[in-house]
Amino acid sequence: TFLGTGINAKTAYVISQLLGYTVSKYIG
């Protein structure tokens, strides 16, 4: 789990990459 929350670690990794990818699209 991520930071002891109910969020699965893989979900946290997926969302983190998506956040970076989303910011990249706005920059792009």
PDB file of all heavy atoms in Angstrom:
ATOM      1  N   THR A   1       0.842  -1.191   0.000  1.00  0.00           N
ATOM      2  CA  THR A   1       0.000   0.000   0.000  1.00  0.00           C
ATOM      3  C   THR A   1       0.878   1.241   0.000  1.00  0.00           C
ATOM      4  O   THR A   1       2.075   1.177   0.281  1.00  0.00           O
ATOM      5  CB  THR A   1      -0.929   0.031   1.224  1.00  0.00           C
ATOM      6  OG1 THR A   1      -0.132   0.007   2.414  1.00  0.00           O
ATOM      7  CG2 THR A   1      -1.879  -1.162   1.210  1.00  0.00           C
ATOM      8  N   PHE A   2       0.272   2.373  -0.320  1.00  0.00           N
ATOM      9  CA  PHE A   2       1.009   3.619  -0.438  1.00  0.00           C
ATOM     10  C   PHE A   2       0.786   4.479   0.803  1.00  0.00           C
ATOM     11  O   PHE A   2      -0.345   4.842   1.133  1.00  0.00           O
ATOM     12  CB  PHE A   2       0.555   4.370  -1.689  1.00  0.00           C
ATOM     13  CG  PHE A   2       1.270   5.669  -1.923  1.00  0.00           C
ATOM     14  CD1 PHE A   2       2.627   5.695  -2.178  1.00  0.00           C
ATOM     15  CD2 PHE A   2       0.569   6.861  -1.878  1.00  0.00           C
ATOM     16  CE1 PHE A   2       3.288   6.898  -2.402  1.00  0.00           C
ATOM     17  CE2 PHE A   2       1.212   8.067  -2.102  1.00  0.00           C
ATOM     18  CZ  PHE A   2       2.577   8.087  -2.361  1.00  0.00           C
ATOM     19  N   LEU A   3       1.872   4.776   1.519  1.00  0.00           N
ATOM     20  CA  LEU A   3       1.841   5.633   2.714  1.00  0.00           C
ATOM     21  C   LEU A   3       0.839   5.161   3.764  1.00  0.00           C
ATOM     22  O   LEU A   3       0.246   5.962   4.489  1.00  0.00           O
ATOM     23  CB  LEU A   3       1.532   7.082   2.312  1.00  0.00           C
ATOM     24  CG  LEU A   3       2.588   7.798   1.451  1.00  0.00           C
ATOM     25  CD1 LEU A   3       2.092   9.166   1.042  1.00  0.00           C
ATOM     26  CD2 LEU A   3       3.914   7.897   2.202  1.00  0.00           C
ATOM     27  N   GLY A   4       0.609   3.850   3.817  1.00  0.00           N
ATOM     28  CA  GLY A   4      -0.300   3.297   4.811  1.00  0.00           C
ATOM     29  C   GLY A   4      -1.765   3.603   4.564  1.00  0.00           C
ATOM     30  O   GLY A   4      -2.606   3.414   5.449  1.00  0.00           O
ATOM     31  N   THR A   5      -2.109   4.066   3.354  1.00  0.00           N
ATOM     32  CA  THR A   5      -3.499   4.381   3.025  1.00  0.00           C
ATOM     33  C   THR A   5      -4.162   3.175   2.366  1.00  0.00           C
ATOM     34  O   THR A   5      -3.574   2.107   2.253  1.00  0.00           O
ATOM     35  CB  THR A   5      -3.569   5.579   2.073  1.00  0.00           C
ATOM     36  OG1 THR A   5      -2.974   5.194   0.819  1.00  0.00           O
ATOM     37  CG2 THR A   5      -2.800   6.764   2.633  1.00  0.00           C
ATOM     38  N   GLY A   6      -5.380   3.371   1.891  1.00  0.00           N
ATOM     39  CA  GLY A   6      -6.073   2.301   1.178  1.00  0.00           C
ATOM     40  C   GLY A   6      -5.702   2.236  -0.291  1.00  0.00           C
ATOM     41  O   GLY A   6      -6.253   1.413  -1.035  1.00  0.00           O
ATOM     42  N   ILE A   7      -4.779   3.087  -0.713  1.00  0.00           N
ATOM     43  CA  ILE A   7      -4.374   3.101  -2.116  1.00  0.00           C
ATOM     44  C   ILE A   7      -3.302   2.045  -2.344  1.00  0.00           C
ATOM     45  O   ILE A   7      -2.263   2.041  -1.678  1.00  0.00           O
ATOM     46  CB  ILE A   7      -3.844   4.486  -2.526  1.00  0.00           C
ATOM     47  CG1 ILE A   7      -4.936   5.552  -2.341  1.00  0.00           C
ATOM     48  CG2 ILE A   7      -3.356   4.478  -3.963  1.00  0.00           C
ATOM     49  CD1 ILE A   7      -4.462   6.959  -2.644  1.00  0.00           C
ATOM     50  N   ASN A   8      -3.546   1.152  -3.284  1.00  0.00           N
ATOM     51  CA  ASN A   8      -2.563   0.121  -3.630  1.00  0.00           C
ATOM     52  C   ASN A   8      -1.303   0.768  -4.196  1.00  0.00           C
ATOM     53  O   ASN A   8      -1.362   1.790  -4.866  1.00  0.00           O
ATOM     54  CB  ASN A   8      -3.179  -0.839  -4.657  1.00  0.00           C
ATOM     55  CG  ASN A   8      -2.227  -1.930  -5.079  1.00  0.00           C
ATOM     56  OD1 ASN A   8      -1.494  -1.776  -6.046  1.00  0.00           O
ATOM     57  ND2 ASN A   8      -2.230  -3.034  -4.357  1.00  0.00           N
ATOM     58  N   ALA A   9      -0.143   0.166  -3.907  1.00  0.00           N
ATOM     59  CA  ALA A   9       1.125   0.740  -4.370  1.00  0.00           C
ATOM     60  C   ALA A   9       1.165   0.859  -5.893  1.00  0.00           C
ATOM     61  O   ALA A   9       1.626   1.870  -6.437  1.00  0.00           O
ATOM     62  CB  ALA A   9       2.294  -0.109  -3.881  1.00  0.00           C
ATOM     63  N   LYS A  10       0.664  -0.156  -6.590  1.00  0.00           N
ATOM     64  CA  LYS A  10       0.678  -0.076  -8.053  1.00  0.00           C
ATOM     65  C   LYS A  10      -0.196   1.074  -8.535  1.00  0.00           C
ATOM     66  O   LYS A  10       0.176   1.797  -9.471  1.00  0.00           O
ATOM     67  CB  LYS A  10       0.205  -1.393  -8.675  1.00  0.00           C
ATOM     68  CG  LYS A  10       0.216  -1.352 -10.199  1.00  0.00           C
ATOM     69  CD  LYS A  10      -0.123  -2.687 -10.830  1.00  0.00           C
ATOM     70  CE  LYS A  10      -0.116  -2.595 -12.343  1.00  0.00           C
ATOM     71  NZ  LYS A  10      -0.381  -3.895 -13.005  1.00  0.00           N
ATOM     72  N   THR A  11      -1.352   1.263  -7.909  1.00  0.00           N
ATOM     73  CA  THR A  11      -2.206   2.390  -8.271  1.00  0.00           C
ATOM     74  C   THR A  11      -1.472   3.701  -8.066  1.00  0.00           C
ATOM     75  O   THR A  11      -1.559   4.626  -8.886  1.00  0.00           O
ATOM     76  CB  THR A  11      -3.502   2.378  -7.440  1.00  0.00           C
ATOM     77  OG1 THR A  11      -4.207   1.152  -7.685  1.00  0.00           O
ATOM     78  CG2 THR A  11      -4.395   3.555  -7.792  1.00  0.00           C
ATOM     79  N   ALA A  12      -0.721   3.806  -6.958  1.00  0.00           N
ATOM     80  CA  ALA A  12       0.043   5.030  -6.691  1.00  0.00           C
ATOM     81  C   ALA A  12       1.088   5.264  -7.770  1.00  0.00           C
ATOM     82  O   ALA A  12       1.293   6.403  -8.216  1.00  0.00           O
ATOM     83  CB  ALA A  12       0.705   4.937  -5.320  1.00  0.00           C
ATOM     84  N   TYR A  13       1.747   4.193  -8.214  1.00  0.00           N
ATOM     85  CA  TYR A  13       2.762   4.343  -9.255  1.00  0.00           C
ATOM     86  C   TYR A  13       2.111   4.734 -10.587  1.00  0.00           C
ATOM     87  O   TYR A  13       2.621   5.592 -11.316  1.00  0.00           O
ATOM     88  CB  TYR A  13       3.559   3.053  -9.421  1.00  0.00           C
ATOM     89  CG  TYR A  13       4.235   2.568  -8.157  1.00  0.00           C
ATOM     90  CD1 TYR A  13       4.523   1.212  -7.966  1.00  0.00           C
ATOM     91  CD2 TYR A  13       4.590   3.461  -7.143  1.00  0.00           C
ATOM     92  CE1 TYR A  13       5.137   0.759  -6.820  1.00  0.00           C
ATOM     93  CE2 TYR A  13       5.204   3.023  -5.986  1.00  0.00           C
ATOM     94  CZ  TYR A  13       5.468   1.668  -5.816  1.00  0.00           C
ATOM     95  OH  TYR A  13       6.069   1.225  -4.661  1.00  0.00           O
ATOM     96  N   VAL A  14       0.991   4.097 -10.897  1.00  0.00           N
ATOM     97  CA  VAL A  14       0.276   4.408 -12.137  1.00  0.00           C
ATOM     98  C   VAL A  14      -0.172   5.863 -12.134  1.00  0.00           C
ATOM     99  O   VAL A  14       0.015   6.604 -13.114  1.00  0.00           O
ATOM    100  CB  VAL A  14      -0.933   3.470 -12.320  1.00  0.00           C
ATOM    101  CG1 VAL A  14      -1.838   3.967 -13.449  1.00  0.00           C
ATOM    102  CG2 VAL A  14      -0.466   2.045 -12.625  1.00  0.00           C
ATOM    103  N   ILE A  15      -0.774   6.297 -11.024  1.00  0.00           N
ATOM    104  CA  ILE A  15      -1.273   7.672 -10.935  1.00  0.00           C
ATOM    105  C   ILE A  15      -0.123   8.669 -10.966  1.00  0.00           C
ATOM    106  O   ILE A  15      -0.210   9.721 -11.614  1.00  0.00           O
ATOM    107  CB  ILE A  15      -2.129   7.852  -9.663  1.00  0.00           C
ATOM    108  CG1 ILE A  15      -3.430   7.059  -9.790  1.00  0.00           C
ATOM    109  CG2 ILE A  15      -2.429   9.329  -9.413  1.00  0.00           C
ATOM    110  CD1 ILE A  15      -4.281   7.078  -8.546  1.00  0.00           C
ATOM    111  N   SER A  16       0.965   8.348 -10.289  1.00  0.00           N
ATOM    112  CA  SER A  16       2.110   9.256 -10.284  1.00  0.00           C
ATOM    113  C   SER A  16       2.656   9.454 -11.692  1.00  0.00           C
ATOM    114  O   SER A  16       2.944  10.585 -12.118  1.00  0.00           O
ATOM    115  CB  SER A  16       3.212   8.709  -9.374  1.00  0.00           C
ATOM    116  OG  SER A  16       2.793   8.665  -8.037  1.00  0.00           O
ATOM    117  N   GLN A  17       2.800   8.361 -12.426  1.00  0.00           N
ATOM    118  CA  GLN A  17       3.269   8.493 -13.802  1.00  0.00           C
ATOM    119  C   GLN A  17       2.266   9.270 -14.645  1.00  0.00           C
ATOM    120  O   GLN A  17       2.636  10.111 -15.472  1.00  0.00           O
ATOM    121  CB  GLN A  17       3.523   7.118 -14.424  1.00  0.00           C
ATOM    122  CG  GLN A  17       4.214   7.198 -15.788  1.00  0.00           C
ATOM    123  CD  GLN A  17       4.230   5.870 -16.507  1.00  0.00           C
ATOM    124  OE1 GLN A  17       3.195   5.244 -16.692  1.00  0.00           O
ATOM    125  NE2 GLN A  17       5.416   5.434 -16.906  1.00  0.00           N
ATOM    126  N   LEU A  18       0.980   8.993 -14.431  1.00  0.00           N
ATOM    127  CA  LEU A  18      -0.055   9.713 -15.165  1.00  0.00           C
ATOM    128  C   LEU A  18      -0.023  11.208 -14.872  1.00  0.00           C
ATOM    129  O   LEU A  18      -0.225  12.032 -15.767  1.00  0.00           O
ATOM    130  CB  LEU A  18      -1.436   9.151 -14.814  1.00  0.00           C
ATOM    131  CG  LEU A  18      -1.916   7.940 -15.610  1.00  0.00           C
ATOM    132  CD1 LEU A  18      -3.228   7.430 -15.040  1.00  0.00           C
ATOM    133  CD2 LEU A  18      -2.071   8.293 -17.082  1.00  0.00           C
ATOM    134  N   LEU A  19       0.214  11.556 -13.612  1.00  0.00           N
ATOM    135  CA  LEU A  19       0.304  12.974 -13.262  1.00  0.00           C
ATOM    136  C   LEU A  19       1.460  13.646 -14.008  1.00  0.00           C
ATOM    137  O   LEU A  19       1.313  14.741 -14.566  1.00  0.00           O
ATOM    138  CB  LEU A  19       0.482  13.138 -11.756  1.00  0.00           C
ATOM    139  CG  LEU A  19      -0.763  12.891 -10.896  1.00  0.00           C
ATOM    140  CD1 LEU A  19      -0.383  12.852  -9.414  1.00  0.00           C
ATOM    141  CD2 LEU A  19      -1.808  13.980 -11.142  1.00  0.00           C
ATOM    142  N   GLY A  20       2.620  12.982 -14.015  1.00  0.00           N
ATOM    143  CA  GLY A  20       3.747  13.511 -14.761  1.00  0.00           C
ATOM    144  C   GLY A  20       3.459  13.593 -16.246  1.00  0.00           C
ATOM    145  O   GLY A  20       3.787  14.580 -16.919  1.00  0.00           O
ATOM    146  N   TYR A  21       2.815  12.561 -16.760  1.00  0.00           N
ATOM    147  CA  TYR A  21       2.466  12.510 -18.182  1.00  0.00           C
ATOM    148  C   TYR A  21       1.464  13.600 -18.532  1.00  0.00           C
ATOM    149  O   TYR A  21       1.542  14.227 -19.587  1.00  0.00           O
ATOM    150  CB  TYR A  21       1.896  11.126 -18.487  1.00  0.00           C
ATOM    151  CG  TYR A  21       2.051  10.674 -19.918  1.00  0.00           C
ATOM    152  CD1 TYR A  21       3.290  10.257 -20.405  1.00  0.00           C
ATOM    153  CD2 TYR A  21       0.957  10.635 -20.777  1.00  0.00           C
ATOM    154  CE1 TYR A  21       3.431   9.812 -21.712  1.00  0.00           C
ATOM    155  CE2 TYR A  21       1.092  10.199 -22.092  1.00  0.00           C
ATOM    156  CZ  TYR A  21       2.329   9.791 -22.553  1.00  0.00           C
ATOM    157  OH  TYR A  21       2.466   9.358 -23.842  1.00  0.00           O
ATOM    158  N   THR A  22       0.511  13.846 -17.615  1.00  0.00           N
ATOM    159  CA  THR A  22      -0.493  14.884 -17.840  1.00  0.00           C
ATOM    160  C   THR A  22       0.145  16.264 -17.845  1.00  0.00           C
ATOM    161  O   THR A  22      -0.144  17.095 -18.719  1.00  0.00           O
ATOM    162  CB  THR A  22      -1.580  14.814 -16.752  1.00  0.00           C
ATOM    163  OG1 THR A  22      -2.175  13.506 -16.764  1.00  0.00           O
ATOM    164  CG2 THR A  22      -2.662  15.862 -16.987  1.00  0.00           C
ATOM    165  N   VAL A  23       1.005  16.530 -16.859  1.00  0.00           N
ATOM    166  CA  VAL A  23       1.726  17.805 -16.831  1.00  0.00           C
ATOM    167  C   VAL A  23       2.532  17.977 -18.118  1.00  0.00           C
ATOM    168  O   VAL A  23       2.589  19.063 -18.709  1.00  0.00           O
ATOM    169  CB  VAL A  23       2.647  17.877 -15.596  1.00  0.00           C
ATOM    170  CG1 VAL A  23       3.556  19.102 -15.666  1.00  0.00           C
ATOM    171  CG2 VAL A  23       1.811  17.905 -14.321  1.00  0.00           C
ATOM    172  N   SER A  24       3.133  16.886 -18.581  1.00  0.00           N
ATOM    173  CA  SER A  24       3.913  16.924 -19.812  1.00  0.00           C
ATOM    174  C   SER A  24       3.058  17.321 -21.003  1.00  0.00           C
ATOM    175  O   SER A  24       3.509  18.058 -21.890  1.00  0.00           O
ATOM    176  CB  SER A  24       4.548  15.554 -20.057  1.00  0.00           C
ATOM    177  OG  SER A  24       5.351  15.558 -21.222  1.00  0.00           O
ATOM    178  N   LYS A  25       1.818  16.848 -21.038  1.00  0.00           N
ATOM    179  CA  LYS A  25       0.929  17.197 -22.142  1.00  0.00           C
ATOM    180  C   LYS A  25       0.592  18.686 -22.129  1.00  0.00           C
ATOM    181  O   LYS A  25       0.521  19.329 -23.185  1.00  0.00           O
ATOM    182  CB  LYS A  25      -0.352  16.358 -22.070  1.00  0.00           C
ATOM    183  CG  LYS A  25      -0.141  14.872 -22.311  1.00  0.00           C
ATOM    184  CD  LYS A  25       0.375  14.595 -23.713  1.00  0.00           C
ATOM    185  CE  LYS A  25       0.537  13.107 -23.968  1.00  0.00           C
ATOM    186  NZ  LYS A  25       1.040  12.806 -25.328  1.00  0.00           N
ATOM    187  N   TYR A  26       0.356  19.242 -20.940  1.00  0.00           N
ATOM    188  CA  TYR A  26       0.083  20.675 -20.860  1.00  0.00           C
ATOM    189  C   TYR A  26       1.308  21.484 -21.301  1.00  0.00           C
ATOM    190  O   TYR A  26       1.186  22.486 -22.012  1.00  0.00           O
ATOM    191  CB  TYR A  26      -0.322  21.064 -19.436  1.00  0.00           C
ATOM    192  CG  TYR A  26      -1.755  20.707 -19.098  1.00  0.00           C
ATOM    193  CD1 TYR A  26      -2.060  19.594 -18.325  1.00  0.00           C
ATOM    194  CD2 TYR A  26      -2.810  21.486 -19.561  1.00  0.00           C
ATOM    195  CE1 TYR A  26      -3.372  19.260 -18.009  1.00  0.00           C
ATOM    196  CE2 TYR A  26      -4.131  21.175 -19.257  1.00  0.00           C
ATOM    197  CZ  TYR A  26      -4.401  20.057 -18.482  1.00  0.00           C
ATOM    198  OH  TYR A  26      -5.704  19.735 -18.179  1.00  0.00           O
ATOM    199  N   ILE A  27       2.494  21.045 -20.876  1.00  0.00           N
ATOM    200  CA  ILE A  27       3.722  21.712 -21.318  1.00  0.00           C
ATOM    201  C   ILE A  27       3.893  21.566 -22.830  1.00  0.00           C
ATOM    202  O   ILE A  27       4.296  22.496 -23.530  1.00  0.00           O
ATOM    203  CB  ILE A  27       4.939  21.132 -20.576  1.00  0.00           C
ATOM    204  CG1 ILE A  27       4.842  21.406 -19.081  1.00  0.00           C
ATOM    205  CG2 ILE A  27       6.243  21.704 -21.137  1.00  0.00           C
ATOM    206  CD1 ILE A  27       5.897  20.696 -18.256  1.00  0.00           C
ATOM    207  N   GLY A  28       3.548  20.364 -23.326  1.00  0.00           N
ATOM    208  CA  GLY A  28       3.709  20.084 -24.741  1.00  0.00           C
ATOM    209  C   GLY A  28       2.812  20.901 -25.647  1.00  0.00           C
ATOM    210  O   GLY A  28       3.112  21.063 -26.840  1.00  0.00           O
TER     211      GLY A  28
END
